[in-house]
Amino acid sequence: MPSPVAVARLKCLASTRLCRDDDGQDLIEYGLLCALIGIIALGAVSTVGNTINSVFWQVIAQTSY
């Protein structure tokens, strides 16, 4: 039969090892998410900007002759 002191000590060790502090992990996840959103937004704005630029130049070229 295990001693109550040993069981209590084992429970204490198990609870400290299984329950970790994850506060810093949230900040890293938000940073990575913001970076990903920024990269996607930059690509989308660049693509839309090039499309709008080419459409405007086509309209200008058609109206100038």
PDB file of N, CA and C in Angstrom:
ATOM      1  N   MET A   1       0.834  -1.168   0.000  1.00  0.00           N
ATOM      2  CA  MET A   1       0.000   0.000   0.000  1.00  0.00           C
ATOM      3  C   MET A   1       0.889   1.245   0.000  1.00  0.00           C
ATOM      4  N   PRO A   2       0.691   2.192  -0.962  1.00  0.00           N
ATOM      5  CA  PRO A   2       1.537   3.372  -1.010  1.00  0.00           C
ATOM      6  C   PRO A   2       1.227   4.318   0.137  1.00  0.00           C
ATOM      7  N   SER A   3       2.253   5.008   0.558  1.00  0.00           N
ATOM      8  CA  SER A   3       2.057   5.941   1.663  1.00  0.00           C
ATOM      9  C   SER A   3       1.319   7.185   1.175  1.00  0.00           C
ATOM     10  N   PRO A   4       0.511   7.807   2.020  1.00  0.00           N
ATOM     11  CA  PRO A   4      -0.235   9.001   1.619  1.00  0.00           C
ATOM     12  C   PRO A   4       0.689  10.175   1.277  1.00  0.00           C
ATOM     13  N   VAL A   5       1.852  10.226   1.896  1.00  0.00           N
ATOM     14  CA  VAL A   5       2.794  11.304   1.611  1.00  0.00           C
ATOM     15  C   VAL A   5       3.348  11.152   0.193  1.00  0.00           C
ATOM     16  N   ALA A   6       3.662   9.909  -0.184  1.00  0.00           N
ATOM     17  CA  ALA A   6       4.186   9.661  -1.513  1.00  0.00           C
ATOM     18  C   ALA A   6       3.130   9.943  -2.584  1.00  0.00           C
ATOM     19  N   VAL A   7       1.899   9.570  -2.321  1.00  0.00           N
ATOM     20  CA  VAL A   7       0.819   9.825  -3.268  1.00  0.00           C
ATOM     21  C   VAL A   7       0.588  11.325  -3.424  1.00  0.00           C
ATOM     22  N   ALA A   8       0.607  12.057  -2.304  1.00  0.00           N
ATOM     23  CA  ALA A   8       0.419  13.505  -2.358  1.00  0.00           C
ATOM     24  C   ALA A   8       1.556  14.175  -3.125  1.00  0.00           C
ATOM     25  N   ARG A   9       2.775  13.707  -2.900  1.00  0.00           N
ATOM     26  CA  ARG A   9       3.934  14.268  -3.598  1.00  0.00           C
ATOM     27  C   ARG A   9       3.863  13.967  -5.101  1.00  0.00           C
ATOM     28  N   LEU A  10       3.431  12.768  -5.454  1.00  0.00           N
ATOM     29  CA  LEU A  10       3.293  12.397  -6.857  1.00  0.00           C
ATOM     30  C   LEU A  10       2.212  13.236  -7.541  1.00  0.00           C
ATOM     31  N   LYS A  11       1.103  13.474  -6.851  1.00  0.00           N
ATOM     32  CA  LYS A  11       0.050  14.326  -7.405  1.00  0.00           C
ATOM     33  C   LYS A  11       0.541  15.749  -7.599  1.00  0.00           C
ATOM     34  N   CYS A  12       1.325  16.234  -6.666  1.00  0.00           N
ATOM     35  CA  CYS A  12       1.871  17.588  -6.774  1.00  0.00           C
ATOM     36  C   CYS A  12       2.816  17.693  -7.958  1.00  0.00           C
ATOM     37  N   LEU A  13       3.692  16.726  -8.126  1.00  0.00           N
ATOM     38  CA  LEU A  13       4.619  16.736  -9.253  1.00  0.00           C
ATOM     39  C   LEU A  13       3.888  16.612 -10.579  1.00  0.00           C
ATOM     40  N   ALA A  14       2.876  15.753 -10.630  1.00  0.00           N
ATOM     41  CA  ALA A  14       2.122  15.563 -11.858  1.00  0.00           C
ATOM     42  C   ALA A  14       1.363  16.823 -12.240  1.00  0.00           C
ATOM     43  N   SER A  15       0.794  17.511 -11.267  1.00  0.00           N
ATOM     44  CA  SER A  15       0.025  18.716 -11.577  1.00  0.00           C
ATOM     45  C   SER A  15       0.926  19.850 -12.040  1.00  0.00           C
ATOM     46  N   THR A  16       2.140  19.959 -11.498  1.00  0.00           N
ATOM     47  CA  THR A  16       3.039  21.024 -11.937  1.00  0.00           C
ATOM     48  C   THR A  16       3.632  20.729 -13.314  1.00  0.00           C
ATOM     49  N   ARG A  17       3.832  19.474 -13.651  1.00  0.00           N
ATOM     50  CA  ARG A  17       4.401  19.134 -14.959  1.00  0.00           C
ATOM     51  C   ARG A  17       3.350  19.164 -16.065  1.00  0.00           C
ATOM     52  N   LEU A  18       2.106  18.823 -15.757  1.00  0.00           N
ATOM     53  CA  LEU A  18       1.070  18.767 -16.774  1.00  0.00           C
ATOM     54  C   LEU A  18       0.429  20.131 -17.029  1.00  0.00           C
ATOM     55  N   CYS A  19       0.409  20.989 -16.072  1.00  0.00           N
ATOM     56  CA  CYS A  19      -0.192  22.313 -16.214  1.00  0.00           C
ATOM     57  C   CYS A  19       0.922  23.334 -16.407  1.00  0.00           C
ATOM     58  N   ARG A  20       1.179  23.675 -17.664  1.00  0.00           N
ATOM     59  CA  ARG A  20       2.229  24.636 -17.970  1.00  0.00           C
ATOM     60  C   ARG A  20       1.629  26.012 -18.177  1.00  0.00           C
ATOM     61  N   ASP A  21       2.460  27.004 -18.049  1.00  0.00           N
ATOM     62  CA  ASP A  21       2.040  28.378 -18.263  1.00  0.00           C
ATOM     63  C   ASP A  21       2.186  28.688 -19.752  1.00  0.00           C
ATOM     64  N   ASP A  22       1.070  28.999 -20.424  1.00  0.00           N
ATOM     65  CA  ASP A  22       1.073  29.223 -21.867  1.00  0.00           C
ATOM     66  C   ASP A  22       0.833  30.688 -22.220  1.00  0.00           C
ATOM     67  N   ASP A  23       1.127  31.620 -21.327  1.00  0.00           N
ATOM     68  CA  ASP A  23       0.845  33.023 -21.595  1.00  0.00           C
ATOM     69  C   ASP A  23       1.684  33.563 -22.740  1.00  0.00           C
ATOM     70  N   GLY A  24       2.936  33.212 -22.840  1.00  0.00           N
ATOM     71  CA  GLY A  24       3.793  33.712 -23.901  1.00  0.00           C
ATOM     72  C   GLY A  24       3.432  33.155 -25.262  1.00  0.00           C
ATOM     73  N   GLN A  25       2.822  32.003 -25.284  1.00  0.00           N
ATOM     74  CA  GLN A  25       2.458  31.370 -26.553  1.00  0.00           C
ATOM     75  C   GLN A  25       1.408  32.190 -27.287  1.00  0.00           C
ATOM     76  N   ASP A  26       0.477  32.798 -26.576  1.00  0.00           N
ATOM     77  CA  ASP A  26      -0.565  33.599 -27.211  1.00  0.00           C
ATOM     78  C   ASP A  26       0.027  34.772 -27.970  1.00  0.00           C
ATOM     79  N   LEU A  27       1.010  35.427 -27.386  1.00  0.00           N
ATOM     80  CA  LEU A  27       1.627  36.583 -28.027  1.00  0.00           C
ATOM     81  C   LEU A  27       2.328  36.184 -29.328  1.00  0.00           C
ATOM     82  N   ILE A  28       2.998  35.055 -29.320  1.00  0.00           N
ATOM     83  CA  ILE A  28       3.665  34.579 -30.531  1.00  0.00           C
ATOM     84  C   ILE A  28       2.643  34.224 -31.605  1.00  0.00           C
ATOM     85  N   GLU A  29       1.548  33.588 -31.212  1.00  0.00           N
ATOM     86  CA  GLU A  29       0.518  33.231 -32.183  1.00  0.00           C
ATOM     87  C   GLU A  29      -0.109  34.469 -32.801  1.00  0.00           C
ATOM     88  N   TYR A  30      -0.385  35.495 -31.997  1.00  0.00           N
ATOM     89  CA  TYR A  30      -0.944  36.731 -32.538  1.00  0.00           C
ATOM     90  C   TYR A  30       0.048  37.415 -33.468  1.00  0.00           C
ATOM     91  N   GLY A  31       1.314  37.385 -33.128  1.00  0.00           N
ATOM     92  CA  GLY A  31       2.331  37.987 -33.982  1.00  0.00           C
ATOM     93  C   GLY A  31       2.421  37.283 -35.325  1.00  0.00           C
ATOM     94  N   LEU A  32       2.407  35.959 -35.307  1.00  0.00           N
ATOM     95  CA  LEU A  32       2.449  35.197 -36.558  1.00  0.00           C
ATOM     96  C   LEU A  32       1.194  35.417 -37.391  1.00  0.00           C
ATOM     97  N   LEU A  33       0.052  35.509 -36.728  1.00  0.00           N
ATOM     98  CA  LEU A  33      -1.203  35.752 -37.438  1.00  0.00           C
ATOM     99  C   LEU A  33      -1.201  37.132 -38.088  1.00  0.00           C
ATOM    100  N   CYS A  34      -0.718  38.141 -37.370  1.00  0.00           N
ATOM    101  CA  CYS A  34      -0.636  39.493 -37.939  1.00  0.00           C
ATOM    102  C   CYS A  34       0.331  39.533 -39.116  1.00  0.00           C
ATOM    103  N   ALA A  35       1.448  38.834 -39.011  1.00  0.00           N
ATOM    104  CA  ALA A  35       2.406  38.796 -40.120  1.00  0.00           C
ATOM    105  C   ALA A  35       1.789  38.118 -41.339  1.00  0.00           C
ATOM    106  N   LEU A  36       1.072  37.038 -41.143  1.00  0.00           N
ATOM    107  CA  LEU A  36       0.428  36.340 -42.252  1.00  0.00           C
ATOM    108  C   LEU A  36      -0.633  37.211 -42.911  1.00  0.00           C
ATOM    109  N   ILE A  37      -1.439  37.887 -42.111  1.00  0.00           N
ATOM    110  CA  ILE A  37      -2.463  38.778 -42.655  1.00  0.00           C
ATOM    111  C   ILE A  37      -1.804  39.922 -43.424  1.00  0.00           C
ATOM    112  N   GLY A  38      -0.706  40.445 -42.905  1.00  0.00           N
ATOM    113  CA  GLY A  38       0.002  41.523 -43.590  1.00  0.00           C
ATOM    114  C   GLY A  38       0.557  41.089 -44.933  1.00  0.00           C
ATOM    115  N   ILE A  39       1.118  39.899 -44.991  1.00  0.00           N
ATOM    116  CA  ILE A  39       1.665  39.391 -46.259  1.00  0.00           C
ATOM    117  C   ILE A  39       0.554  39.175 -47.276  1.00  0.00           C
ATOM    118  N   ILE A  40      -0.558  38.619 -46.845  1.00  0.00           N
ATOM    119  CA  ILE A  40      -1.686  38.395 -47.746  1.00  0.00           C
ATOM    120  C   ILE A  40      -2.257  39.728 -48.229  1.00  0.00           C
ATOM    121  N   ALA A  41      -2.396  40.693 -47.321  1.00  0.00           N
ATOM    122  CA  ALA A  41      -2.920  42.000 -47.703  1.00  0.00           C
ATOM    123  C   ALA A  41      -1.981  42.704 -48.677  1.00  0.00           C
ATOM    124  N   LEU A  42      -0.692  42.595 -48.458  1.00  0.00           N
ATOM    125  CA  LEU A  42       0.273  43.214 -49.368  1.00  0.00           C
ATOM    126  C   LEU A  42       0.172  42.613 -50.766  1.00  0.00           C
ATOM    127  N   GLY A  43       0.073  41.307 -50.851  1.00  0.00           N
ATOM    128  CA  GLY A  43      -0.081  40.656 -52.152  1.00  0.00           C
ATOM    129  C   GLY A  43      -1.380  41.041 -52.838  1.00  0.00           C
ATOM    130  N   ALA A  44      -2.463  41.109 -52.069  1.00  0.00           N
ATOM    131  CA  ALA A  44      -3.758  41.455 -52.658  1.00  0.00           C
ATOM    132  C   ALA A  44      -3.761  42.896 -53.156  1.00  0.00           C
ATOM    133  N   VAL A  45      -3.230  43.815 -52.372  1.00  0.00           N
ATOM    134  CA  VAL A  45      -3.199  45.221 -52.785  1.00  0.00           C
ATOM    135  C   VAL A  45      -2.306  45.398 -54.007  1.00  0.00           C
ATOM    136  N   SER A  46      -1.206  44.704 -54.041  1.00  0.00           N
ATOM    137  CA  SER A  46      -0.315  44.794 -55.194  1.00  0.00           C
ATOM    138  C   SER A  46      -0.990  44.282 -56.463  1.00  0.00           C
ATOM    139  N   THR A  47      -1.660  43.166 -56.368  1.00  0.00           N
ATOM    140  CA  THR A  47      -2.351  42.592 -57.522  1.00  0.00           C
ATOM    141  C   THR A  47      -3.482  43.499 -57.997  1.00  0.00           C
ATOM    142  N   VAL A  48      -4.280  43.975 -57.073  1.00  0.00           N
ATOM    143  CA  VAL A  48      -5.393  44.855 -57.435  1.00  0.00           C
ATOM    144  C   VAL A  48      -4.861  46.168 -58.002  1.00  0.00           C
ATOM    145  N   GLY A  49      -3.784  46.676 -57.434  1.00  0.00           N
ATOM    146  CA  GLY A  49      -3.199  47.910 -57.942  1.00  0.00           C
ATOM    147  C   GLY A  49      -2.694  47.772 -59.360  1.00  0.00           C
ATOM    148  N   ASN A  50      -2.042  46.675 -59.663  1.00  0.00           N
ATOM    149  CA  ASN A  50      -1.566  46.444 -61.032  1.00  0.00           C
ATOM    150  C   ASN A  50      -2.731  46.304 -62.014  1.00  0.00           C
ATOM    151  N   THR A  51      -3.785  45.638 -61.586  1.00  0.00           N
ATOM    152  CA  THR A  51      -4.956  45.466 -62.442  1.00  0.00           C
ATOM    153  C   THR A  51      -5.617  46.813 -62.726  1.00  0.00           C
ATOM    154  N   ILE A  52      -5.805  47.604 -61.687  1.00  0.00           N
ATOM    155  CA  ILE A  52      -6.421  48.919 -61.862  1.00  0.00           C
ATOM    156  C   ILE A  52      -5.552  49.800 -62.753  1.00  0.00           C
ATOM    157  N   ASN A  53      -4.257  49.746 -62.573  1.00  0.00           N
ATOM    158  CA  ASN A  53      -3.338  50.542 -63.388  1.00  0.00           C
ATOM    159  C   ASN A  53      -3.443  50.162 -64.866  1.00  0.00           C
ATOM    160  N   SER A  54      -3.466  48.880 -65.147  1.00  0.00           N
ATOM    161  CA  SER A  54      -3.555  48.457 -66.546  1.00  0.00           C
ATOM    162  C   SER A  54      -4.904  48.816 -67.154  1.00  0.00           C
ATOM    163  N   VAL A  55      -5.990  48.726 -66.391  1.00  0.00           N
ATOM    164  CA  VAL A  55      -7.312  49.088 -66.908  1.00  0.00           C
ATOM    165  C   VAL A  55      -7.352  50.585 -67.202  1.00  0.00           C
ATOM    166  N   PHE A  56      -6.844  51.418 -66.320  1.00  0.00           N
ATOM    167  CA  PHE A  56      -6.833  52.855 -66.551  1.00  0.00           C
ATOM    168  C   PHE A  56      -6.020  53.210 -67.788  1.00  0.00           C
ATOM    169  N   TRP A  57      -4.868  52.573 -67.965  1.00  0.00           N
ATOM    170  CA  TRP A  57      -4.051  52.879 -69.147  1.00  0.00           C
ATOM    171  C   TRP A  57      -4.720  52.409 -70.424  1.00  0.00           C
ATOM    172  N   GLN A  58      -5.464  51.325 -70.378  1.00  0.00           N
ATOM    173  CA  GLN A  58      -6.218  50.873 -71.543  1.00  0.00           C
ATOM    174  C   GLN A  58      -7.325  51.871 -71.901  1.00  0.00           C
ATOM    175  N   VAL A  59      -7.993  52.380 -70.891  1.00  0.00           N
ATOM    176  CA  VAL A  59      -9.054  53.371 -71.125  1.00  0.00           C
ATOM    177  C   VAL A  59      -8.444  54.643 -71.691  1.00  0.00           C
ATOM    178  N   ILE A  60      -7.327  55.076 -71.146  1.00  0.00           N
ATOM    179  CA  ILE A  60      -6.668  56.277 -71.641  1.00  0.00           C
ATOM    180  C   ILE A  60      -6.211  56.078 -73.083  1.00  0.00           C
ATOM    181  N   ALA A  61      -5.675  54.911 -73.404  1.00  0.00           N
ATOM    182  CA  ALA A  61      -5.211  54.637 -74.753  1.00  0.00           C
ATOM    183  C   ALA A  61      -6.359  54.603 -75.744  1.00  0.00           C
ATOM    184  N   GLN A  62      -7.523  54.117 -75.334  1.00  0.00           N
ATOM    185  CA  GLN A  62      -8.678  54.045 -76.233  1.00  0.00           C
ATOM    186  C   GLN A  62      -9.284  55.420 -76.485  1.00  0.00           C
ATOM    187  N   THR A  63      -9.241  56.281 -75.515  1.00  0.00           N
ATOM    188  CA  THR A  63      -9.878  57.594 -75.668  1.00  0.00           C
ATOM    189  C   THR A  63      -8.945  58.614 -76.319  1.00  0.00           C
ATOM    190  N   SER A  64      -7.674  58.319 -76.429  1.00  0.00           N
ATOM    191  CA  SER A  64      -6.748  59.328 -76.939  1.00  0.00           C
ATOM    192  C   SER A  64      -6.646  59.348 -78.458  1.00  0.00           C
ATOM    193  N   TYR A  65      -7.104  58.376 -79.172  1.00  0.00           N
ATOM    194  CA  TYR A  65      -6.958  58.385 -80.638  1.00  0.00           C
ATOM    195  C   TYR A  65      -8.233  58.741 -81.253  1.00  0.00           C
TER     196      TYR A  65
END
